[in-house]
Amino acid sequence: MRLRKIQLSLVLIVLLSCKAYRPVTYVVFNNESKEKIDFSIVMNDREKNKNLSPRQYQARPGLQEIPVREFRKGIYALQINTHNGQQSKSLPLRLDSDRWVMVTYIHEDSLTIQKKFGIVDTGMLKKVAGKYSGIDMYIENRRPPNL
């Protein structure tokens, strides 16, 4: 009888832990410019059609992980805004497991971009405050091996 209660308790714990699982969104921000940048992350719940509270962050030059909270399983739209909304990028995000969002940001003059990348893509880059600025973003299902 005692063994049966322990088994039942373990099954109940496993079922409750599976139900309580919430996927985590990890944001890895690569700031290619030489100065700090203020940006915001906005998650839009597409199933309920409502914006979740935007979060403000500041990225130092280089690669860093930005802490983002856990969300319920579902379909979202992830939007990154910089320069008070003048520059933004949005992607659909399905959260059924943990996701890693890789964001690359650059804000430099055309000569520096030309030296670094070999080309200045004016279709992707936008001129903000006299310099070219751009955001690129993609989503990984697994933790990138170089982190």
Protein backbone atom coordinates (compact mmCIF):
# COMPACT_ATOMS: atom_id res chain seq x y z
CA MET A 1 0.00 0.00 0.00
CA ARG A 2 2.79 2.40 0.92
CA LEU A 3 4.62 1.62 -2.33
CA ARG A 4 1.43 2.37 -4.28
CA LYS A 5 1.15 5.83 -2.64
CA ILE A 6 4.76 6.63 -3.48
CA GLN A 7 4.24 5.58 -7.10
CA LEU A 8 1.07 7.65 -7.33
CA SER A 9 2.85 10.66 -5.83
CA LEU A 10 5.72 10.37 -8.30
CA VAL A 11 3.33 10.12 -11.25
CA LEU A 12 1.45 13.18 -10.00
CA ILE A 13 4.69 15.17 -9.62
CA VAL A 14 5.81 14.23 -13.15
CA LEU A 15 2.45 15.22 -14.64
CA LEU A 16 2.40 18.55 -12.82
CA SER A 17 5.97 19.37 -13.81
CA CYS A 18 5.20 18.68 -17.49
CA LYS A 19 2.15 20.93 -17.31
CA ALA A 20 4.12 23.73 -15.62
CA TYR A 21 6.91 23.80 -18.23
CA ARG A 22 7.33 27.19 -19.87
CA PRO A 23 9.75 27.68 -22.76
CA VAL A 24 12.49 30.28 -22.30
CA THR A 25 13.58 32.75 -24.95
CA TYR A 26 17.30 33.51 -24.82
CA VAL A 27 18.45 36.62 -26.70
CA VAL A 28 22.11 36.84 -27.71
CA PHE A 29 22.94 40.39 -28.81
CA ASN A 30 26.07 41.13 -30.87
CA ASN A 31 26.73 44.87 -30.89
CA GLU A 32 29.20 45.52 -33.74
CA SER A 33 29.38 49.28 -33.07
CA LYS A 34 31.80 50.97 -30.69
CA GLU A 35 29.22 52.57 -28.39
CA LYS A 36 26.46 51.32 -26.11
CA ILE A 37 23.01 51.08 -27.65
CA ASP A 38 19.58 51.30 -26.03
CA PHE A 39 17.02 48.89 -27.46
CA SER A 40 13.70 47.35 -26.56
CA ILE A 41 12.26 43.87 -27.00
CA VAL A 42 8.52 43.58 -27.63
CA MET A 43 6.72 40.24 -27.63
CA ASN A 44 3.30 40.13 -29.29
CA ASP A 45 1.05 37.17 -28.45
CA ARG A 46 -0.47 36.34 -31.84
CA GLU A 47 -3.09 33.96 -30.46
CA LYS A 48 -4.53 36.58 -28.09
CA ASN A 49 -3.53 39.52 -30.32
CA LYS A 50 -2.01 41.58 -27.51
CA ASN A 51 1.39 43.13 -26.87
CA LEU A 52 3.23 41.97 -23.80
CA SER A 53 5.07 44.66 -21.84
CA PRO A 54 8.16 45.89 -23.74
CA ARG A 55 11.50 45.52 -21.98
CA GLN A 56 14.26 48.12 -22.24
CA TYR A 57 17.93 47.05 -22.38
CA GLN A 58 21.34 48.54 -23.07
CA ALA A 59 23.92 46.58 -25.08
CA ARG A 60 27.64 47.12 -24.68
CA PRO A 61 29.94 46.61 -27.67
CA GLY A 62 30.53 42.92 -28.30
CA LEU A 63 28.60 39.72 -27.67
CA GLN A 64 26.28 39.38 -24.65
CA GLU A 65 23.29 37.40 -23.50
CA ILE A 66 20.20 39.43 -22.65
CA PRO A 67 17.93 37.94 -19.96
CA VAL A 68 14.40 37.43 -21.24
CA ARG A 69 11.62 35.82 -19.23
CA GLU A 70 9.70 32.60 -19.70
CA PHE A 71 6.54 32.55 -21.81
CA ARG A 72 3.64 30.16 -22.28
CA LYS A 73 3.72 27.84 -25.24
CA GLY A 74 2.29 29.51 -28.32
CA ILE A 75 2.95 31.70 -31.33
CA TYR A 76 4.49 35.14 -30.81
CA ALA A 77 5.99 37.96 -32.84
CA LEU A 78 9.36 39.13 -31.51
CA GLN A 79 10.34 42.71 -32.32
CA ILE A 80 13.64 44.50 -31.60
CA ASN A 81 13.56 48.33 -31.69
CA THR A 82 16.52 50.74 -31.62
CA HIS A 83 16.88 54.51 -32.01
CA ASN A 84 13.45 55.13 -30.42
CA GLY A 85 11.70 52.90 -32.96
CA GLN A 86 13.40 54.32 -36.06
CA GLN A 87 15.09 50.98 -36.63
CA SER A 88 13.25 47.71 -35.97
CA LYS A 89 13.18 44.07 -36.99
CA SER A 90 10.42 41.56 -36.35
CA LEU A 91 10.20 37.77 -36.72
CA PRO A 92 7.54 35.17 -35.90
CA LEU A 93 8.47 32.95 -32.97
CA ARG A 94 6.86 29.60 -32.11
CA LEU A 95 7.52 28.65 -28.51
CA ASP A 96 7.08 24.93 -28.02
CA SER A 97 10.60 24.55 -26.61
CA ASP A 98 13.46 26.86 -25.65
CA ARG A 99 14.64 29.21 -28.41
CA TRP A 100 17.81 31.26 -28.92
CA VAL A 101 17.36 34.54 -30.78
CA MET A 102 20.57 35.83 -32.34
CA VAL A 103 20.61 39.59 -32.96
CA THR A 104 23.40 41.49 -34.72
CA TYR A 105 23.42 45.28 -34.61
CA ILE A 106 25.73 47.72 -36.37
CA HIS A 107 25.90 51.53 -36.32
CA GLU A 108 29.02 52.77 -38.14
CA ASP A 109 30.08 54.99 -41.00
CA SER A 110 30.25 53.49 -44.48
CA LEU A 111 34.07 53.31 -44.57
CA THR A 112 34.23 51.20 -41.39
CA ILE A 113 31.50 48.88 -42.67
CA GLN A 114 33.29 48.58 -46.02
CA LYS A 115 36.55 47.60 -44.29
CA LYS A 116 34.86 45.12 -41.95
CA PHE A 117 32.43 43.35 -44.31
CA GLY A 118 33.62 44.31 -47.80
CA ILE A 119 30.28 45.84 -48.83
CA VAL A 120 27.79 48.46 -47.65
CA ASP A 121 24.32 47.00 -48.27
CA THR A 122 22.08 50.08 -48.34
CA GLY A 123 19.04 47.84 -48.80
CA MET A 124 19.55 46.39 -45.33
CA LEU A 125 21.18 49.38 -43.65
CA LYS A 126 19.37 52.62 -42.87
CA LYS A 127 21.02 56.00 -42.31
CA VAL A 128 20.41 57.18 -38.73
CA ALA A 129 22.21 60.18 -37.20
CA GLY A 130 24.72 60.38 -40.05
CA LYS A 131 25.81 56.72 -39.82
CA TYR A 132 24.53 53.48 -41.32
CA SER A 133 22.54 51.35 -38.90
CA GLY A 134 21.13 47.85 -39.25
CA ILE A 135 19.66 44.94 -37.33
CA ASP A 136 19.80 41.30 -38.38
CA MET A 137 18.05 38.57 -36.45
CA TYR A 138 17.55 34.81 -36.69
CA ILE A 139 16.21 32.10 -34.39
CA GLU A 140 17.90 28.84 -33.36
CA ASN A 141 16.21 25.78 -31.87
CA ARG A 142 19.34 24.72 -29.99
CA ARG A 143 21.97 26.57 -28.02
CA PRO A 144 24.65 27.76 -30.48
CA PRO A 145 27.89 25.83 -29.89
CA ASN A 146 30.07 28.96 -29.69
CA LEU A 147 28.28 30.32 -26.57
